[in-house]
Amino acid sequence: MPRTAPVPPPARPPGPPVPPASVGDGLRFAFGTLSVLPVRVSRWDRAAAGRGMAAAPLVGLAVGLGAATAGGALHALGAAPLLSAVGAVAVPAAATRGLHLDGLADTADGLGSGKPAEEALRIMKRSDIGPFGVVVLVLVLLAQTAALAAAYGHGWVYGGTAAALAAVTGRTAMTLACRPRVAAARPEGLGAAVAGAVPAGTAFGAAALVVVLAAAAGQPFGGLTALRAAMAAVFGLACAEALLRHCGRRFGGVTGDVFGALCETAVTAAALVLALR
């Protein structure tokens, strides 16, 4: 008796289309994920992630203004530039519960281990911090504090501007890292949720806008400050891009820890250039 072909199961009716993410969805994703503000993330999908990470520079602006306010308040109370800088560095750490700094330390441990990608990723996922992470964390915090102290030495307005610009540059590096062709190192976690979620035009457009706005922020200080501010943003993003490419080669893509490392790298590099006024 001839064998009959199996009858395929009936096709499942397509589900309702996923609605596009609104601006509000993106802002809630950005502030709820990248800060400690009590914002409830109502959507955790690719559409909301794309909108949210495109808005990451706005989170940087909010954090940077908080840092500038803290430094300015200490300056008004008679604090030396070094103490004002400590306040400006402390606010972003508190505003993220140290999440980006923790990512920096974990990434340093993974890179410094010299292990293959899978084992390095396991090292990064541990709750403790190894010697590479401690050394990098201390050096970065010292560099940020020293740079902003130099900036506050030129007055509280310039110091606050430097703190805000550095914070915006750091979050813009995150936006750039979410462009297409940047893979996730793990199938889960923040890296997998946001990798490739921001269109290339949006990511590079945000970076260009931040550079232009940095130049505009430096214009009132006269001289070459506008150029220096623009170069600070470019240098910060370039340093983060170099780290992104290195992590892509070592880990096979990005993770949430790598995003934190990119942010702190760009913040530090931008602050160092701004300190050279």
Protein backbone atom coordinates (compact mmCIF):
# COMPACT_ATOMS: atom_id res chain seq x y z
CA MET A 1 0.00 0.00 0.00
CA PRO A 2 1.57 3.32 -0.97
CA ARG A 3 2.57 5.57 1.92
CA THR A 4 0.69 8.84 1.99
CA ALA A 5 2.47 12.06 2.79
CA PRO A 6 1.76 13.42 6.25
CA VAL A 7 -0.74 16.20 6.39
CA PRO A 8 0.93 19.38 7.67
CA PRO A 9 -0.67 21.01 10.72
CA PRO A 10 -2.86 23.98 10.02
CA ALA A 11 -0.99 27.26 9.98
CA ARG A 12 -1.30 29.23 13.17
CA PRO A 13 -3.00 32.55 12.67
CA PRO A 14 -0.52 35.40 12.96
CA GLY A 15 -0.56 37.24 16.26
CA PRO A 16 -1.42 40.90 16.56
CA PRO A 17 1.30 43.17 15.16
CA VAL A 18 3.67 44.63 17.73
CA PRO A 19 2.91 48.35 18.00
CA PRO A 20 5.83 50.68 17.38
CA ALA A 21 7.49 52.08 20.49
CA SER A 22 6.52 55.61 21.39
CA VAL A 23 8.84 58.35 22.58
CA GLY A 24 7.53 57.73 26.07
CA ASP A 25 8.38 54.03 25.83
CA GLY A 26 11.91 54.93 24.80
CA LEU A 27 12.41 57.49 27.57
CA ARG A 28 11.09 55.09 30.19
CA PHE A 29 13.46 52.40 28.90
CA ALA A 30 16.42 54.80 28.91
CA PHE A 31 15.90 56.33 32.35
CA GLY A 32 14.63 53.13 33.94
CA THR A 33 17.61 51.13 32.66
CA LEU A 34 20.47 53.62 32.82
CA SER A 35 19.63 55.49 36.03
CA VAL A 36 18.15 54.97 39.48
CA LEU A 37 15.21 57.24 38.81
CA PRO A 38 11.96 55.50 39.82
CA VAL A 39 10.78 54.99 36.24
CA ARG A 40 8.86 51.82 35.42
CA VAL A 41 9.99 50.23 32.15
CA SER A 42 6.67 49.35 30.51
CA ARG A 43 8.15 47.66 27.43
CA TRP A 44 11.23 45.46 27.13
CA ASP A 45 11.44 44.65 23.45
CA ARG A 46 13.61 45.61 20.50
CA ALA A 47 11.48 48.56 19.51
CA ALA A 48 11.57 50.11 23.00
CA ALA A 49 15.27 49.25 23.36
CA GLY A 50 16.08 51.06 20.13
CA ARG A 51 14.17 54.15 21.17
CA GLY A 52 15.62 53.99 24.66
CA MET A 53 19.27 53.67 23.72
CA ALA A 54 18.89 56.42 21.14
CA ALA A 55 17.78 58.60 24.07
CA ALA A 56 20.77 57.61 26.23
CA PRO A 57 22.45 61.03 25.76
CA LEU A 58 19.43 62.61 27.48
CA VAL A 59 20.10 60.41 30.50
CA GLY A 60 23.68 61.64 30.36
CA LEU A 61 22.44 65.23 30.31
CA ALA A 62 20.28 64.66 33.39
CA VAL A 63 23.11 62.93 35.24
CA GLY A 64 25.61 65.56 34.10
CA LEU A 65 23.43 68.43 35.29
CA GLY A 66 23.16 66.71 38.66
CA ALA A 67 26.94 66.39 38.79
CA ALA A 68 27.37 70.04 37.81
CA THR A 69 24.89 71.10 40.51
CA ALA A 70 26.74 69.14 43.19
CA GLY A 71 30.10 70.58 42.17
CA GLY A 72 28.69 74.08 41.93
CA ALA A 73 27.04 73.83 45.36
CA LEU A 74 30.30 72.72 46.96
CA HIS A 75 32.14 75.53 45.17
CA ALA A 76 29.61 78.06 46.47
CA LEU A 77 30.19 76.78 50.01
CA GLY A 78 33.89 77.53 49.65
CA ALA A 79 35.17 74.08 48.71
CA ALA A 80 38.44 73.76 46.85
CA PRO A 81 38.30 72.58 43.21
CA LEU A 82 39.34 69.07 44.27
CA LEU A 83 36.40 68.69 46.65
CA SER A 84 34.01 70.13 44.05
CA ALA A 85 35.31 67.52 41.60
CA VAL A 86 34.74 64.73 44.12
CA GLY A 87 31.11 65.80 44.41
CA ALA A 88 30.75 65.92 40.63
CA VAL A 89 32.18 62.41 40.28
CA ALA A 90 30.08 61.01 43.12
CA VAL A 91 26.73 62.04 41.65
CA PRO A 92 26.92 59.91 38.46
CA ALA A 93 28.09 56.93 40.54
CA ALA A 94 25.12 57.35 42.88
CA ALA A 95 22.71 58.04 40.00
CA THR A 96 23.51 54.63 38.50
CA ARG A 97 24.16 52.72 41.79
CA GLY A 98 27.69 52.28 40.48
CA LEU A 99 26.38 50.11 37.64
CA HIS A 100 28.67 51.53 34.95
CA LEU A 101 31.68 51.47 37.25
CA ASP A 102 30.93 47.85 38.09
CA GLY A 103 30.74 47.11 34.37
CA LEU A 104 34.10 48.79 33.86
CA ALA A 105 35.70 46.66 36.58
CA ASP A 106 34.14 43.42 35.28
CA THR A 107 35.23 44.19 31.72
CA ALA A 108 38.77 44.90 32.92
CA ASP A 109 38.80 41.53 34.71
CA GLY A 110 37.57 39.76 31.59
CA LEU A 111 40.08 41.43 29.31
CA GLY A 112 42.92 41.10 31.76
CA SER A 113 42.31 37.41 32.38
CA GLY A 114 43.70 36.43 28.98
CA LYS A 115 41.18 33.57 28.90
CA PRO A 116 39.12 32.45 25.89
CA ALA A 117 35.86 34.28 25.32
CA GLU A 118 33.55 31.89 27.15
CA GLU A 119 35.71 31.73 30.25
CA ALA A 120 36.31 35.48 30.21
CA LEU A 121 32.55 36.05 30.10
CA ARG A 122 32.14 33.75 33.10
CA ILE A 123 34.75 35.78 34.97
CA MET A 124 32.87 38.97 34.16
CA LYS A 125 29.62 37.50 35.46
CA ARG A 126 31.01 36.80 38.93
CA SER A 127 29.93 39.08 41.76
CA ASP A 128 33.46 39.75 42.99
CA ILE A 129 36.02 42.12 41.48
CA GLY A 130 39.49 40.88 40.62
CA PRO A 131 42.83 42.74 40.71
CA PHE A 132 42.55 44.07 37.16
CA GLY A 133 39.13 45.49 37.93
CA VAL A 134 40.30 47.15 41.15
CA VAL A 135 43.31 48.79 39.53
CA VAL A 136 41.34 50.09 36.52
CA LEU A 137 38.50 51.32 38.72
CA VAL A 138 40.83 53.25 41.01
CA LEU A 139 42.77 54.78 38.12
CA VAL A 140 39.63 55.84 36.26
CA LEU A 141 38.07 57.47 39.33
CA LEU A 142 41.35 59.25 40.06
CA ALA A 143 41.58 60.45 36.46
CA GLN A 144 37.99 61.71 36.45
CA THR A 145 38.45 63.51 39.77
CA ALA A 146 41.78 65.07 38.76
CA ALA A 147 40.40 66.20 35.40
CA LEU A 148 37.32 67.81 36.89
CA ALA A 149 39.41 69.40 39.64
CA ALA A 150 41.47 71.07 36.93
CA ALA A 151 38.26 72.17 35.21
CA TYR A 152 36.82 73.58 38.45
CA GLY A 153 40.09 75.45 38.86
CA HIS A 154 38.86 77.65 35.99
CA GLY A 155 35.63 78.43 37.85
CA TRP A 156 32.47 76.62 38.79
CA VAL A 157 30.75 77.36 35.47
CA TYR A 158 33.49 75.75 33.41
CA GLY A 159 33.79 72.88 35.86
CA GLY A 160 30.07 72.18 35.73
CA THR A 161 30.07 72.40 31.94
CA ALA A 162 32.92 69.89 31.78
CA ALA A 163 31.10 67.49 34.10
CA ALA A 164 27.91 67.70 32.04
CA LEU A 165 29.67 67.31 28.68
CA ALA A 166 31.63 64.29 29.91
CA ALA A 167 28.45 62.61 31.16
CA VAL A 168 26.64 63.19 27.86
CA THR A 169 29.61 61.88 25.89
CA GLY A 170 29.68 58.72 27.99
CA ARG A 171 26.03 57.89 27.29
CA THR A 172 26.42 58.75 23.61
CA ALA A 173 29.09 56.05 23.42
CA MET A 174 26.37 53.61 24.51
CA THR A 175 24.11 54.78 21.69
CA LEU A 176 26.86 54.20 19.14
CA ALA A 177 27.47 50.71 20.52
CA CYS A 178 23.84 49.79 19.78
CA ARG A 179 24.17 50.31 16.03
CA PRO A 180 23.71 47.41 13.59
CA ARG A 181 26.51 44.86 13.12
CA VAL A 182 27.51 45.12 16.77
CA ALA A 183 26.73 41.65 18.08
CA ALA A 184 25.79 40.54 21.58
CA ALA A 185 28.25 38.27 23.37
CA ARG A 186 25.47 36.44 25.23
CA PRO A 187 21.95 35.45 24.18
CA GLU A 188 20.50 37.12 27.26
CA GLY A 189 20.98 40.27 29.30
CA LEU A 190 21.09 43.94 28.42
CA GLY A 191 23.65 43.42 25.66
CA ALA A 192 21.36 41.03 23.83
CA ALA A 193 18.38 43.34 24.31
CA VAL A 194 19.99 46.45 22.82
CA ALA A 195 22.74 45.24 20.45
CA GLY A 196 21.90 46.40 16.93
CA ALA A 197 18.67 48.04 18.09
CA VAL A 198 19.54 51.61 17.07
CA PRO A 199 19.65 52.38 13.32
CA ALA A 200 23.09 53.47 12.13
CA GLY A 201 21.82 56.84 10.95
CA THR A 202 20.25 57.54 14.33
CA ALA A 203 23.37 56.49 16.23
CA PHE A 204 25.81 58.52 14.15
CA GLY A 205 23.38 61.43 13.99
CA ALA A 206 23.18 61.51 17.79
CA ALA A 207 26.98 61.48 18.01
CA ALA A 208 27.31 64.33 15.51
CA LEU A 209 24.68 66.36 17.35
CA VAL A 210 26.50 65.89 20.66
CA VAL A 211 29.77 67.11 19.11
CA VAL A 212 28.04 70.22 17.73
CA LEU A 213 26.32 70.92 21.05
CA ALA A 214 29.63 70.45 22.87
CA ALA A 215 31.19 73.12 20.66
CA ALA A 216 28.24 75.41 21.38
CA ALA A 217 28.63 74.84 25.13
CA GLY A 218 32.29 75.80 24.93
CA GLN A 219 31.71 78.93 22.85
CA PRO A 220 30.91 81.31 25.76
CA PHE A 221 34.31 80.64 27.35
CA GLY A 222 36.14 82.18 24.37
CA GLY A 223 39.43 81.29 22.81
CA LEU A 224 39.75 77.73 21.57
CA THR A 225 37.36 76.35 24.16
CA ALA A 226 34.64 75.59 21.61
CA LEU A 227 37.09 73.54 19.56
CA ARG A 228 38.44 71.87 22.69
CA ALA A 229 34.92 70.91 23.81
CA ALA A 230 34.11 69.43 20.42
CA MET A 231 37.40 67.52 20.40
CA ALA A 232 36.67 66.25 23.91
CA ALA A 233 33.46 64.66 22.67
CA VAL A 234 35.19 63.24 19.59
CA PHE A 235 38.10 61.87 21.63
CA GLY A 236 35.79 60.32 24.21
CA LEU A 237 33.72 58.58 21.54
CA ALA A 238 36.85 57.45 19.70
CA CYS A 239 38.32 55.87 22.85
CA ALA A 240 35.03 54.09 23.53
CA GLU A 241 34.94 52.88 19.92
CA ALA A 242 38.44 51.43 20.26
CA LEU A 243 37.36 49.58 23.40
CA LEU A 244 34.18 48.38 21.67
CA ARG A 245 36.15 46.88 18.81
CA HIS A 246 38.58 45.21 21.20
CA CYS A 247 35.75 43.72 23.25
CA GLY A 248 34.09 42.52 20.05
CA ARG A 249 37.24 40.64 19.12
CA ARG A 250 37.81 39.23 22.62
CA PHE A 251 34.27 38.39 23.70
CA GLY A 252 32.48 38.06 20.38
CA GLY A 253 30.23 41.02 21.11
CA VAL A 254 28.92 43.31 23.82
CA THR A 255 27.42 42.70 27.24
CA GLY A 256 25.86 44.97 29.82
CA ASP A 257 29.28 45.19 31.51
CA VAL A 258 30.88 46.31 28.25
CA PHE A 259 28.32 49.11 27.94
CA GLY A 260 29.30 50.33 31.40
CA ALA A 261 32.97 50.21 30.44
CA LEU A 262 32.30 52.16 27.24
CA CYS A 263 30.47 54.84 29.19
CA GLU A 264 33.18 55.32 31.80
CA THR A 265 35.92 55.26 29.16
CA ALA A 266 34.25 58.03 27.16
CA VAL A 267 33.54 60.07 30.30
CA THR A 268 37.17 59.88 31.40
CA ALA A 269 38.64 60.66 27.99
CA ALA A 270 36.36 63.65 27.45
CA ALA A 271 37.04 65.03 30.91
CA LEU A 272 40.80 64.78 30.37
CA VAL A 273 40.63 66.87 27.19
CA LEU A 274 38.39 69.44 28.88
CA ALA A 275 40.88 69.71 31.74
CA LEU A 276 43.56 70.98 29.33
CA ARG A 277 42.01 74.41 28.96
